[in-house]
Amino acid sequence: MSQTAAQLVAALRRGRCDATAEVIVLADRPDATVVRCGHVVAKAHPPGTDPAELAVRLGVAAHPRCAGILLPPVDDGMAALPDGRRVTLWPYGEPVAPDAPDAAPWVEAGKLLARLHAVPVAELPGPLPAMRGPVKAARAIARLRAAALPDSAAIRAVLHAWAGLPDWARGVDRTDRTDRVDLDRADSRDHRDRTDRRERTDRQEVTRLCHGDLHLGQLIRHRAADWVLIDIDDLGLGDPAWDLARPAAWYAAGLLAPEDWDRFLGAYRAAGGSAAGQGDPWPRLDVPARALTVQTAALALAKAAAAGRALDEAEEAMVEAAVRIARYMEAVG
């Protein structure tokens, strides 16, 4: 158990926990520590979390416009832990069963995203921060580079695929191109700029409330009610296509069955979701899906190396998908 987890357990026992309830550590990672005590779950948010942005995100989760879409917090949380990490409290809910893929709630996930994207942002607390999906992708690349792994075709392909993405998908603010999370080679800059210009008009009209990190682990059922979305760390304004990108990337890599992809996308569209259009979804989903593919591949390579193990089957599939992206980019110039 990490020091953060121990501090969180101690804080729960002091002020929030039924003395007879078992305390269970649900997650203990540098980016998130989650502890359950009875019907309450406490989450220590990542180091460096902006308190003002977190407060806005909590307000959004508690807002009536998001009822039945986002899990509302129990209250405004506890004091920060001794290590400085902010803590919030949430009702406990049953997660998606990882050993029952046939029962995965893809239809419900699609419906929830459509409802989230339709929330009128002008009625929500503000100022709403930006959705953090692209920033997380950039941090995955930074982690891979910081790992200083031996040169390999896979690493070169991941970095090449990353360099070919437009700036917005790489977490780069167009208004300050010197403030870069990573420094790509100049020979890819012109290509990205052309891509940015092509996409700018298309994306100006699609800023919506987004989850920012959608996967099945972000759905729970609270007290046997309908599914709701959890984890507000990346919630904010952005391109809603990003929320469809991880399922799209899994589908393209062969990790999500075609029928599940069809159910997810069909439910999203039927519920009024517009991020993928009504025809071919890939013109809208291509860039976010490539970004999520590269992000996942970068994390897979870094984590496997840190643990001294080989890539598992799913990780291998995502790295192979990133390699195909890099080859395609080389072919089209």
C-alpha atoms as a PDB file:
ATOM      1  CA  MET A   1       0.000   0.000   0.000  1.00  0.00           C
ATOM      2  CA  SER A   2       1.358   3.410  -0.971  1.00  0.00           C
ATOM      3  CA  GLN A   3       1.757   6.294   1.451  1.00  0.00           C
ATOM      4  CA  THR A   4      -1.161   8.083  -0.235  1.00  0.00           C
ATOM      5  CA  ALA A   5      -3.419   5.045   0.169  1.00  0.00           C
ATOM      6  CA  ALA A   6      -2.448   4.725   3.837  1.00  0.00           C
ATOM      7  CA  GLN A   7      -3.224   8.412   4.420  1.00  0.00           C
ATOM      8  CA  LEU A   8      -6.577   8.062   2.655  1.00  0.00           C
ATOM      9  CA  VAL A   9      -7.518   4.986   4.684  1.00  0.00           C
ATOM     10  CA  ALA A  10      -6.581   6.743   7.914  1.00  0.00           C
ATOM     11  CA  ALA A  11      -8.628   9.821   6.997  1.00  0.00           C
ATOM     12  CA  LEU A  12     -11.666   7.705   6.175  1.00  0.00           C
ATOM     13  CA  ARG A  13     -11.427   5.791   9.430  1.00  0.00           C
ATOM     14  CA  ARG A  14     -11.172   9.020  11.435  1.00  0.00           C
ATOM     15  CA  GLY A  15     -14.112  10.858  10.011  1.00  0.00           C
ATOM     16  CA  ARG A  16     -16.156   9.078   7.390  1.00  0.00           C
ATOM     17  CA  CYS A  17     -16.114   5.355   7.974  1.00  0.00           C
ATOM     18  CA  ASP A  18     -18.491   3.103   9.860  1.00  0.00           C
ATOM     19  CA  ALA A  19     -16.297   1.419  12.460  1.00  0.00           C
ATOM     20  CA  THR A  20     -17.685  -1.968  11.433  1.00  0.00           C
ATOM     21  CA  ALA A  21     -17.184  -1.486   7.694  1.00  0.00           C
ATOM     22  CA  GLU A  22     -14.246  -2.982   5.878  1.00  0.00           C
ATOM     23  CA  VAL A  23     -11.891  -0.561   4.168  1.00  0.00           C
ATOM     24  CA  ILE A  24     -10.897  -1.728   0.695  1.00  0.00           C
ATOM     25  CA  VAL A  25      -8.282  -0.150  -1.544  1.00  0.00           C
ATOM     26  CA  LEU A  26      -9.826  -0.203  -5.034  1.00  0.00           C
ATOM     27  CA  ALA A  27      -6.986   1.543  -6.864  1.00  0.00           C
ATOM     28  CA  ASP A  28      -3.531   2.662  -5.800  1.00  0.00           C
ATOM     29  CA  ARG A  29      -1.703   4.386  -8.647  1.00  0.00           C
ATOM     30  CA  PRO A  30       0.284   7.618  -8.932  1.00  0.00           C
ATOM     31  CA  ASP A  31      -2.573   9.195 -10.891  1.00  0.00           C
ATOM     32  CA  ALA A  32      -5.454   7.962  -8.711  1.00  0.00           C
ATOM     33  CA  THR A  33      -5.921   6.360  -5.313  1.00  0.00           C
ATOM     34  CA  VAL A  34      -9.418   5.104  -4.496  1.00  0.00           C
ATOM     35  CA  VAL A  35     -10.593   3.594  -1.196  1.00  0.00           C
ATOM     36  CA  ARG A  36     -14.006   2.196  -0.305  1.00  0.00           C
ATOM     37  CA  CYS A  37     -15.571   2.161   3.142  1.00  0.00           C
ATOM     38  CA  GLY A  38     -19.112   0.790   3.169  1.00  0.00           C
ATOM     39  CA  HIS A  39     -21.273   2.866   0.857  1.00  0.00           C
ATOM     40  CA  VAL A  40     -18.698   5.663   0.461  1.00  0.00           C
ATOM     41  CA  VAL A  41     -15.717   5.846  -1.874  1.00  0.00           C
ATOM     42  CA  ALA A  42     -12.897   8.350  -1.348  1.00  0.00           C
ATOM     43  CA  LYS A  43     -10.659   9.364  -4.224  1.00  0.00           C
ATOM     44  CA  ALA A  44      -7.305  11.111  -3.933  1.00  0.00           C
ATOM     45  CA  HIS A  45      -6.888  13.030  -7.170  1.00  0.00           C
ATOM     46  CA  PRO A  46      -3.604  13.229  -9.092  1.00  0.00           C
ATOM     47  CA  PRO A  47      -0.821  15.420  -7.731  1.00  0.00           C
ATOM     48  CA  GLY A  48      -1.039  18.926  -9.113  1.00  0.00           C
ATOM     49  CA  THR A  49      -4.817  18.865  -9.567  1.00  0.00           C
ATOM     50  CA  ASP A  50      -6.046  22.456  -9.864  1.00  0.00           C
ATOM     51  CA  PRO A  51      -8.428  23.065  -6.907  1.00  0.00           C
ATOM     52  CA  ALA A  52     -10.524  25.623  -8.807  1.00  0.00           C
ATOM     53  CA  GLU A  53     -10.957  23.351 -11.827  1.00  0.00           C
ATOM     54  CA  LEU A  54     -11.788  20.410  -9.580  1.00  0.00           C
ATOM     55  CA  ALA A  55     -14.426  22.516  -7.813  1.00  0.00           C
ATOM     56  CA  VAL A  56     -16.054  23.369 -11.147  1.00  0.00           C
ATOM     57  CA  ARG A  57     -16.035  19.737 -12.217  1.00  0.00           C
ATOM     58  CA  LEU A  58     -17.630  18.721  -8.920  1.00  0.00           C
ATOM     59  CA  GLY A  59     -20.285  21.379  -9.441  1.00  0.00           C
ATOM     60  CA  VAL A  60     -21.020  19.995 -12.896  1.00  0.00           C
ATOM     61  CA  ALA A  61     -21.345  16.443 -11.551  1.00  0.00           C
ATOM     62  CA  ALA A  62     -23.791  17.664  -8.896  1.00  0.00           C
ATOM     63  CA  HIS A  63     -25.813  19.864 -11.283  1.00  0.00           C
ATOM     64  CA  PRO A  64     -29.416  18.842 -12.064  1.00  0.00           C
ATOM     65  CA  ARG A  65     -28.669  19.013 -15.792  1.00  0.00           C
ATOM     66  CA  CYS A  66     -26.270  16.096 -15.320  1.00  0.00           C
ATOM     67  CA  ALA A  67     -28.567  14.003 -13.119  1.00  0.00           C
ATOM     68  CA  GLY A  68     -28.661  10.434 -14.353  1.00  0.00           C
ATOM     69  CA  ILE A  69     -25.592  11.030 -16.518  1.00  0.00           C
ATOM     70  CA  LEU A  70     -22.763  11.727 -14.065  1.00  0.00           C
ATOM     71  CA  LEU A  71     -22.513  10.258 -10.577  1.00  0.00           C
ATOM     72  CA  PRO A  72     -22.947  13.167  -8.123  1.00  0.00           C
ATOM     73  CA  PRO A  73     -20.447  13.530  -5.263  1.00  0.00           C
ATOM     74  CA  VAL A  74     -21.476  12.776  -1.680  1.00  0.00           C
ATOM     75  CA  ASP A  75     -20.455  16.278  -0.661  1.00  0.00           C
ATOM     76  CA  ASP A  76     -17.583  18.668  -1.308  1.00  0.00           C
ATOM     77  CA  GLY A  77     -15.050  16.155  -0.020  1.00  0.00           C
ATOM     78  CA  MET A  78     -12.505  16.097   2.769  1.00  0.00           C
ATOM     79  CA  ALA A  79      -9.476  18.200   3.484  1.00  0.00           C
ATOM     80  CA  ALA A  80      -6.396  17.572   1.388  1.00  0.00           C
ATOM     81  CA  LEU A  81      -4.163  14.707   2.472  1.00  0.00           C
ATOM     82  CA  PRO A  82      -0.827  15.410   4.179  1.00  0.00           C
ATOM     83  CA  ASP A  83       0.885  14.859   0.819  1.00  0.00           C
ATOM     84  CA  GLY A  84      -1.263  17.653  -0.638  1.00  0.00           C
ATOM     85  CA  ARG A  85      -3.530  15.576  -2.856  1.00  0.00           C
ATOM     86  CA  ARG A  86      -7.163  16.689  -3.060  1.00  0.00           C
ATOM     87  CA  VAL A  87      -9.835  14.234  -1.917  1.00  0.00           C
ATOM     88  CA  THR A  88     -13.471  13.837  -2.997  1.00  0.00           C
ATOM     89  CA  LEU A  89     -16.203  11.495  -1.760  1.00  0.00           C
ATOM     90  CA  TRP A  90     -18.632   9.500  -3.897  1.00  0.00           C
ATOM     91  CA  PRO A  91     -21.372   6.907  -3.478  1.00  0.00           C
ATOM     92  CA  TYR A  92     -20.224   3.361  -4.118  1.00  0.00           C
ATOM     93  CA  GLY A  93     -21.621   1.635  -7.191  1.00  0.00           C
ATOM     94  CA  GLU A  94     -21.181  -1.713  -8.882  1.00  0.00           C
ATOM     95  CA  PRO A  95     -18.696  -1.540 -11.771  1.00  0.00           C
ATOM     96  CA  VAL A  96     -18.870  -3.341 -15.085  1.00  0.00           C
ATOM     97  CA  ALA A  97     -17.995  -7.010 -14.605  1.00  0.00           C
ATOM     98  CA  PRO A  98     -14.631  -7.559 -16.322  1.00  0.00           C
ATOM     99  CA  ASP A  99     -15.276 -11.303 -16.706  1.00  0.00           C
ATOM    100  CA  ALA A 100     -18.581 -10.890 -18.562  1.00  0.00           C
ATOM    101  CA  PRO A 101     -17.755  -9.203 -21.894  1.00  0.00           C
ATOM    102  CA  ASP A 102     -21.059 -10.262 -23.432  1.00  0.00           C
ATOM    103  CA  ALA A 103     -22.870  -8.191 -20.801  1.00  0.00           C
ATOM    104  CA  ALA A 104     -20.758  -5.063 -21.353  1.00  0.00           C
ATOM    105  CA  PRO A 105     -23.091  -2.041 -21.399  1.00  0.00           C
ATOM    106  CA  TRP A 106     -22.031  -0.582 -24.752  1.00  0.00           C
ATOM    107  CA  VAL A 107     -25.548   0.567 -25.567  1.00  0.00           C
ATOM    108  CA  GLU A 108     -25.830   2.364 -22.237  1.00  0.00           C
ATOM    109  CA  ALA A 109     -22.395   3.932 -22.717  1.00  0.00           C
ATOM    110  CA  GLY A 110     -23.459   5.308 -26.084  1.00  0.00           C
ATOM    111  CA  LYS A 111     -26.677   6.737 -24.677  1.00  0.00           C
ATOM    112  CA  LEU A 112     -24.892   8.357 -21.743  1.00  0.00           C
ATOM    113  CA  LEU A 113     -22.349  10.035 -24.000  1.00  0.00           C
ATOM    114  CA  ALA A 114     -25.095  11.402 -26.255  1.00  0.00           C
ATOM    115  CA  ARG A 115     -26.879  12.866 -23.230  1.00  0.00           C
ATOM    116  CA  LEU A 116     -23.642  14.303 -21.841  1.00  0.00           C
ATOM    117  CA  HIS A 117     -22.789  15.977 -25.146  1.00  0.00           C
ATOM    118  CA  ALA A 118     -26.274  17.532 -25.252  1.00  0.00           C
ATOM    119  CA  VAL A 119     -26.029  19.211 -21.828  1.00  0.00           C
ATOM    120  CA  PRO A 120     -26.371  23.000 -22.270  1.00  0.00           C
ATOM    121  CA  VAL A 121     -23.012  24.229 -21.017  1.00  0.00           C
ATOM    122  CA  ALA A 122     -24.267  27.783 -20.474  1.00  0.00           C
ATOM    123  CA  GLU A 123     -26.371  26.504 -17.566  1.00  0.00           C
ATOM    124  CA  LEU A 124     -23.494  24.764 -15.805  1.00  0.00           C
ATOM    125  CA  PRO A 125     -21.043  26.125 -13.226  1.00  0.00           C
ATOM    126  CA  GLY A 126     -18.020  27.762 -14.740  1.00  0.00           C
ATOM    127  CA  PRO A 127     -15.671  28.629 -16.075  1.00  0.00           C
ATOM    128  CA  LEU A 128     -15.545  25.113 -17.461  1.00  0.00           C
ATOM    129  CA  PRO A 129     -11.982  23.885 -18.007  1.00  0.00           C
ATOM    130  CA  ALA A 130     -10.911  22.183 -21.198  1.00  0.00           C
ATOM    131  CA  MET A 131     -11.420  18.469 -21.586  1.00  0.00           C
ATOM    132  CA  ARG A 132      -8.068  16.881 -20.731  1.00  0.00           C
ATOM    133  CA  GLY A 133      -7.953  13.979 -23.193  1.00  0.00           C
ATOM    134  CA  PRO A 134      -5.290  15.441 -25.496  1.00  0.00           C
ATOM    135  CA  VAL A 135      -3.145  16.501 -22.533  1.00  0.00           C
ATOM    136  CA  LYS A 136      -3.226  12.934 -21.197  1.00  0.00           C
ATOM    137  CA  ALA A 137      -2.148  11.648 -24.589  1.00  0.00           C
ATOM    138  CA  ALA A 138       0.790  14.051 -24.536  1.00  0.00           C
ATOM    139  CA  ARG A 139       1.753  12.857 -21.062  1.00  0.00           C
ATOM    140  CA  ALA A 140       1.763   9.260 -22.270  1.00  0.00           C
ATOM    141  CA  ILE A 141       4.273  10.197 -24.954  1.00  0.00           C
ATOM    142  CA  ALA A 142       6.337  12.123 -22.408  1.00  0.00           C
ATOM    143  CA  ARG A 143       6.344   9.036 -20.175  1.00  0.00           C
ATOM    144  CA  LEU A 144       7.547   6.850 -23.031  1.00  0.00           C
ATOM    145  CA  ARG A 145      10.361   9.264 -23.838  1.00  0.00           C
ATOM    146  CA  ALA A 146      11.326   9.607 -20.175  1.00  0.00           C
ATOM    147  CA  ALA A 147      11.643   5.829 -19.902  1.00  0.00           C
ATOM    148  CA  ALA A 148      14.713   6.078 -22.182  1.00  0.00           C
ATOM    149  CA  LEU A 149      14.101   2.619 -23.623  1.00  0.00           C
ATOM    150  CA  PRO A 150      16.452   1.050 -26.174  1.00  0.00           C
ATOM    151  CA  ASP A 151      15.633   2.067 -29.714  1.00  0.00           C
ATOM    152  CA  SER A 152      13.108  -0.189 -31.435  1.00  0.00           C
ATOM    153  CA  ALA A 153      10.872  -0.187 -34.488  1.00  0.00           C
ATOM    154  CA  ALA A 154       7.811  -0.061 -32.236  1.00  0.00           C
ATOM    155  CA  ILE A 155       8.970   3.034 -30.359  1.00  0.00           C
ATOM    156  CA  ARG A 156       9.952   4.799 -33.564  1.00  0.00           C
ATOM    157  CA  ALA A 157       6.551   4.012 -35.064  1.00  0.00           C
ATOM    158  CA  VAL A 158       4.657   5.296 -32.003  1.00  0.00           C
ATOM    159  CA  LEU A 159       6.604   8.554 -32.002  1.00  0.00           C
ATOM    160  CA  HIS A 160       6.197   8.967 -35.762  1.00  0.00           C
ATOM    161  CA  ALA A 161       2.443   8.395 -35.522  1.00  0.00           C
ATOM    162  CA  TRP A 162       2.310  10.931 -32.695  1.00  0.00           C
ATOM    163  CA  ALA A 163       4.248  13.537 -34.667  1.00  0.00           C
ATOM    164  CA  GLY A 164       1.737  13.300 -37.498  1.00  0.00           C
ATOM    165  CA  LEU A 165      -1.246  14.285 -35.380  1.00  0.00           C
ATOM    166  CA  PRO A 166      -2.567  17.864 -35.514  1.00  0.00           C
ATOM    167  CA  ASP A 167      -1.585  20.122 -32.620  1.00  0.00           C
ATOM    168  CA  TRP A 168      -5.017  20.141 -30.968  1.00  0.00           C
ATOM    169  CA  ALA A 169      -4.929  16.338 -30.607  1.00  0.00           C
ATOM    170  CA  ARG A 170      -1.466  16.548 -29.048  1.00  0.00           C
ATOM    171  CA  GLY A 171      -2.492  18.948 -26.298  1.00  0.00           C
ATOM    172  CA  VAL A 172      -0.848  21.947 -27.932  1.00  0.00           C
ATOM    173  CA  ASP A 173      -2.544  25.347 -27.688  1.00  0.00           C
ATOM    174  CA  ARG A 174      -2.539  26.990 -31.112  1.00  0.00           C
ATOM    175  CA  THR A 175      -2.384  30.426 -29.490  1.00  0.00           C
ATOM    176  CA  ASP A 176       1.008  29.577 -27.972  1.00  0.00           C
ATOM    177  CA  ARG A 177       2.916  27.174 -30.164  1.00  0.00           C
ATOM    178  CA  THR A 178       6.067  27.590 -28.083  1.00  0.00           C
ATOM    179  CA  ASP A 179       4.351  25.999 -25.058  1.00  0.00           C
ATOM    180  CA  ARG A 180       4.745  22.418 -26.261  1.00  0.00           C
ATOM    181  CA  VAL A 181       4.401  19.312 -24.157  1.00  0.00           C
ATOM    182  CA  ASP A 182       6.769  17.536 -26.534  1.00  0.00           C
ATOM    183  CA  LEU A 183       9.187  18.821 -29.163  1.00  0.00           C
ATOM    184  CA  ASP A 184       8.570  17.108 -32.494  1.00  0.00           C
ATOM    185  CA  ARG A 185      10.911  17.333 -35.412  1.00  0.00           C
ATOM    186  CA  ALA A 186      10.446  20.264 -37.758  1.00  0.00           C
ATOM    187  CA  ASP A 187       9.906  18.029 -40.784  1.00  0.00           C
ATOM    188  CA  SER A 188       6.427  17.066 -39.511  1.00  0.00           C
ATOM    189  CA  ARG A 189       5.370  20.589 -38.533  1.00  0.00           C
ATOM    190  CA  ASP A 190       4.173  21.680 -41.968  1.00  0.00           C
ATOM    191  CA  HIS A 191       2.039  18.546 -42.279  1.00  0.00           C
ATOM    192  CA  ARG A 192       0.418  19.197 -38.900  1.00  0.00           C
ATOM    193  CA  ASP A 193      -0.242  22.830 -39.745  1.00  0.00           C
ATOM    194  CA  ARG A 194      -2.007  21.866 -42.961  1.00  0.00           C
ATOM    195  CA  THR A 195      -4.084  19.323 -41.092  1.00  0.00           C
ATOM    196  CA  ASP A 196      -4.938  21.898 -38.404  1.00  0.00           C
ATOM    197  CA  ARG A 197      -6.179  24.357 -41.014  1.00  0.00           C
ATOM    198  CA  ARG A 198      -8.342  21.717 -42.680  1.00  0.00           C
ATOM    199  CA  GLU A 199      -9.943  20.697 -39.388  1.00  0.00           C
ATOM    200  CA  ARG A 200     -10.337  24.112 -37.771  1.00  0.00           C
ATOM    201  CA  THR A 201     -13.600  24.986 -39.530  1.00  0.00           C
ATOM    202  CA  ASP A 202     -15.075  21.534 -38.863  1.00  0.00           C
ATOM    203  CA  ARG A 203     -14.272  21.703 -35.154  1.00  0.00           C
ATOM    204  CA  GLN A 204     -15.368  25.267 -34.406  1.00  0.00           C
ATOM    205  CA  GLU A 205     -18.999  24.182 -34.085  1.00  0.00           C
ATOM    206  CA  VAL A 206     -18.529  21.054 -31.981  1.00  0.00           C
ATOM    207  CA  THR A 207     -17.324  22.192 -28.567  1.00  0.00           C
ATOM    208  CA  ARG A 208     -19.414  20.308 -26.004  1.00  0.00           C
ATOM    209  CA  LEU A 209     -19.261  18.991 -22.467  1.00  0.00           C
ATOM    210  CA  CYS A 210     -17.040  15.899 -22.737  1.00  0.00           C
ATOM    211  CA  HIS A 211     -16.014  13.144 -20.345  1.00  0.00           C
ATOM    212  CA  GLY A 212     -12.461  13.014 -21.663  1.00  0.00           C
ATOM    213  CA  ASP A 213     -11.568   9.434 -20.699  1.00  0.00           C
ATOM    214  CA  LEU A 214     -14.404   7.127 -21.691  1.00  0.00           C
ATOM    215  CA  HIS A 215     -14.011   3.379 -21.238  1.00  0.00           C
ATOM    216  CA  LEU A 216     -16.175   0.736 -19.562  1.00  0.00           C
ATOM    217  CA  GLY A 217     -14.360   1.221 -16.262  1.00  0.00           C
ATOM    218  CA  GLN A 218     -16.007   4.639 -16.102  1.00  0.00           C
ATOM    219  CA  LEU A 219     -19.529   3.210 -15.746  1.00  0.00           C
ATOM    220  CA  ILE A 220     -21.135   2.063 -12.515  1.00  0.00           C
ATOM    221  CA  ARG A 221     -24.576   1.172 -11.233  1.00  0.00           C
ATOM    222  CA  HIS A 222     -25.486   2.924  -7.989  1.00  0.00           C
ATOM    223  CA  ARG A 223     -27.999   0.999  -5.862  1.00  0.00           C
ATOM    224  CA  ALA A 224     -29.109  -1.108  -8.845  1.00  0.00           C
ATOM    225  CA  ALA A 225     -30.214   2.001 -10.718  1.00  0.00           C
ATOM    226  CA  ASP A 226     -29.283   2.838 -14.296  1.00  0.00           C
ATOM    227  CA  TRP A 227     -25.668   3.147 -15.377  1.00  0.00           C
ATOM    228  CA  VAL A 228     -23.937   6.487 -14.805  1.00  0.00           C
ATOM    229  CA  LEU A 229     -20.515   7.870 -15.686  1.00  0.00           C
ATOM    230  CA  ILE A 230     -17.809   8.366 -13.067  1.00  0.00           C
ATOM    231  CA  ASP A 231     -14.361  10.003 -12.906  1.00  0.00           C
ATOM    232  CA  ILE A 232     -14.498  13.746 -13.533  1.00  0.00           C
ATOM    233  CA  ASP A 233     -10.753  14.410 -13.641  1.00  0.00           C
ATOM    234  CA  ASP A 234     -10.775  14.939 -17.415  1.00  0.00           C
ATOM    235  CA  LEU A 235     -14.287  16.410 -17.750  1.00  0.00           C
ATOM    236  CA  GLY A 236     -14.550  19.683 -19.650  1.00  0.00           C
ATOM    237  CA  LEU A 237     -15.180  21.469 -22.911  1.00  0.00           C
ATOM    238  CA  GLY A 238     -13.860  19.930 -26.092  1.00  0.00           C
ATOM    239  CA  ASP A 239     -14.540  17.964 -29.232  1.00  0.00           C
ATOM    240  CA  PRO A 240     -17.085  15.250 -28.340  1.00  0.00           C
ATOM    241  CA  ALA A 241     -15.529  12.931 -30.924  1.00  0.00           C
ATOM    242  CA  TRP A 242     -12.765  12.340 -28.365  1.00  0.00           C
ATOM    243  CA  ASP A 243     -15.237  10.471 -26.139  1.00  0.00           C
ATOM    244  CA  LEU A 244     -15.891   7.987 -28.952  1.00  0.00           C
ATOM    245  CA  ALA A 245     -12.211   7.617 -29.782  1.00  0.00           C
ATOM    246  CA  ARG A 246     -11.176   4.808 -27.436  1.00  0.00           C
ATOM    247  CA  PRO A 247     -13.952   2.409 -28.534  1.00  0.00           C
ATOM    248  CA  ALA A 248     -13.175   3.418 -32.125  1.00  0.00           C
ATOM    249  CA  ALA A 249      -9.482   2.694 -31.601  1.00  0.00           C
ATOM    250  CA  TRP A 250     -10.243  -0.678 -30.013  1.00  0.00           C
ATOM    251  CA  TYR A 251     -12.540  -1.557 -32.914  1.00  0.00           C
ATOM    252  CA  ALA A 252      -9.904  -0.573 -35.476  1.00  0.00           C
ATOM    253  CA  ALA A 253      -7.289  -2.646 -33.614  1.00  0.00           C
ATOM    254  CA  GLY A 254      -9.543  -5.710 -33.478  1.00  0.00           C
ATOM    255  CA  LEU A 255     -10.088  -5.539 -29.711  1.00  0.00           C
ATOM    256  CA  LEU A 256     -13.764  -4.544 -29.877  1.00  0.00           C
ATOM    257  CA  ALA A 257     -16.108  -6.834 -31.756  1.00  0.00           C
ATOM    258  CA  PRO A 258     -17.850  -5.252 -34.766  1.00  0.00           C
ATOM    259  CA  GLU A 259     -21.264  -5.955 -33.265  1.00  0.00           C
ATOM    260  CA  ASP A 260     -20.301  -4.173 -30.022  1.00  0.00           C
ATOM    261  CA  TRP A 261     -18.981  -1.192 -31.966  1.00  0.00           C
ATOM    262  CA  ASP A 262     -22.212  -1.073 -33.971  1.00  0.00           C
ATOM    263  CA  ARG A 263     -24.293  -1.249 -30.798  1.00  0.00           C
ATOM    264  CA  PHE A 264     -22.305   1.536 -29.163  1.00  0.00           C
ATOM    265  CA  LEU A 265     -22.296   3.865 -32.153  1.00  0.00           C
ATOM    266  CA  GLY A 266     -25.919   3.085 -33.016  1.00  0.00           C
ATOM    267  CA  ALA A 267     -27.091   3.818 -29.483  1.00  0.00           C
ATOM    268  CA  TYR A 268     -25.120   7.063 -29.444  1.00  0.00           C
ATOM    269  CA  ARG A 269     -26.677   8.235 -32.706  1.00  0.00           C
ATOM    270  CA  ALA A 270     -30.175   7.069 -31.781  1.00  0.00           C
ATOM    271  CA  ALA A 271     -29.972   9.113 -28.564  1.00  0.00           C
ATOM    272  CA  GLY A 272     -29.147  12.256 -30.537  1.00  0.00           C
ATOM    273  CA  GLY A 273     -25.348  12.134 -30.437  1.00  0.00           C
ATOM    274  CA  SER A 274     -23.826  14.067 -33.314  1.00  0.00           C
ATOM    275  CA  ALA A 275     -20.061  13.716 -32.807  1.00  0.00           C
ATOM    276  CA  ALA A 276     -19.765  11.003 -35.467  1.00  0.00           C
ATOM    277  CA  GLY A 277     -22.290  12.376 -37.935  1.00  0.00           C
ATOM    278  CA  GLN A 278     -24.905  10.098 -39.489  1.00  0.00           C
ATOM    279  CA  GLY A 279     -22.886   8.600 -42.342  1.00  0.00           C
ATOM    280  CA  ASP A 280     -19.313   7.373 -42.323  1.00  0.00           C
ATOM    281  CA  PRO A 281     -18.047   8.155 -38.783  1.00  0.00           C
ATOM    282  CA  TRP A 282     -14.343   8.058 -39.613  1.00  0.00           C
ATOM    283  CA  PRO A 283     -13.877  11.564 -41.011  1.00  0.00           C
ATOM    284  CA  ARG A 284     -14.755  12.815 -37.516  1.00  0.00           C
ATOM    285  CA  LEU A 285     -13.250   9.991 -35.477  1.00  0.00           C
ATOM    286  CA  ASP A 286     -10.001   9.376 -37.350  1.00  0.00           C
ATOM    287  CA  VAL A 287      -7.761  11.879 -35.558  1.00  0.00           C
ATOM    288  CA  PRO A 288      -9.049  11.218 -31.999  1.00  0.00           C
ATOM    289  CA  ALA A 289      -8.905   7.458 -32.591  1.00  0.00           C
ATOM    290  CA  ARG A 290      -5.321   7.696 -33.861  1.00  0.00           C
ATOM    291  CA  ALA A 291      -4.409   9.805 -30.817  1.00  0.00           C
ATOM    292  CA  LEU A 292      -5.903   7.245 -28.420  1.00  0.00           C
ATOM    293  CA  THR A 293      -4.166   4.427 -30.281  1.00  0.00           C
ATOM    294  CA  VAL A 294      -0.799   6.137 -29.944  1.00  0.00           C
ATOM    295  CA  GLN A 295      -1.460   7.050 -26.299  1.00  0.00           C
ATOM    296  CA  THR A 296      -2.363   3.463 -25.433  1.00  0.00           C
ATOM    297  CA  ALA A 297       0.609   2.061 -27.308  1.00  0.00           C
ATOM    298  CA  ALA A 298       3.013   4.481 -25.615  1.00  0.00           C
ATOM    299  CA  LEU A 299       1.730   3.567 -22.162  1.00  0.00           C
ATOM    300  CA  ALA A 300       1.868  -0.134 -22.995  1.00  0.00           C
ATOM    301  CA  LEU A 301       5.524   0.066 -24.003  1.00  0.00           C
ATOM    302  CA  ALA A 302       6.486   2.166 -20.972  1.00  0.00           C
ATOM    303  CA  LYS A 303       4.576   0.052 -18.442  1.00  0.00           C
ATOM    304  CA  ALA A 304       5.763  -3.273 -19.813  1.00  0.00           C
ATOM    305  CA  ALA A 305       9.369  -2.118 -19.747  1.00  0.00           C
ATOM    306  CA  ALA A 306       9.043  -0.786 -16.191  1.00  0.00           C
ATOM    307  CA  ALA A 307       7.600  -4.116 -15.037  1.00  0.00           C
ATOM    308  CA  GLY A 308      10.183  -6.153 -16.937  1.00  0.00           C
ATOM    309  CA  ARG A 309       7.554  -8.096 -18.858  1.00  0.00           C
ATOM    310  CA  ALA A 310       6.433  -8.664 -22.420  1.00  0.00           C
ATOM    311  CA  LEU A 311       3.404  -6.904 -23.872  1.00  0.00           C
ATOM    312  CA  ASP A 312       0.138  -8.706 -23.298  1.00  0.00           C
ATOM    313  CA  GLU A 313      -2.183  -9.526 -26.204  1.00  0.00           C
ATOM    314  CA  ALA A 314      -4.221  -6.308 -26.006  1.00  0.00           C
ATOM    315  CA  GLU A 315      -1.104  -4.146 -25.660  1.00  0.00           C
ATOM    316  CA  GLU A 316       0.497  -5.883 -28.620  1.00  0.00           C
ATOM    317  CA  ALA A 317      -2.604  -5.187 -30.712  1.00  0.00           C
ATOM    318  CA  MET A 318      -2.470  -1.469 -29.924  1.00  0.00           C
ATOM    319  CA  VAL A 319       1.249  -1.218 -30.661  1.00  0.00           C
ATOM    320  CA  GLU A 320       0.680  -3.003 -33.975  1.00  0.00           C
ATOM    321  CA  ALA A 321      -2.122  -0.532 -34.740  1.00  0.00           C
ATOM    322  CA  ALA A 322       0.262   2.371 -34.072  1.00  0.00           C
ATOM    323  CA  VAL A 323       2.812   0.773 -36.404  1.00  0.00           C
ATOM    324  CA  ARG A 324       0.161   0.576 -39.152  1.00  0.00           C
ATOM    325  CA  ILE A 325      -0.666   4.257 -38.622  1.00  0.00           C
ATOM    326  CA  ALA A 326       3.007   5.203 -38.970  1.00  0.00           C
ATOM    327  CA  ARG A 327       3.362   3.124 -42.133  1.00  0.00           C
ATOM    328  CA  TYR A 328       0.273   4.701 -43.647  1.00  0.00           C
ATOM    329  CA  MET A 329       1.624   8.182 -42.882  1.00  0.00           C
ATOM    330  CA  GLU A 330       4.889   7.326 -44.611  1.00  0.00           C
ATOM    331  CA  ALA A 331       3.006   5.994 -47.621  1.00  0.00           C
ATOM    332  CA  VAL A 332       0.856   9.113 -48.077  1.00  0.00           C
ATOM    333  CA  GLY A 333       3.688  11.515 -47.288  1.00  0.00           C
END
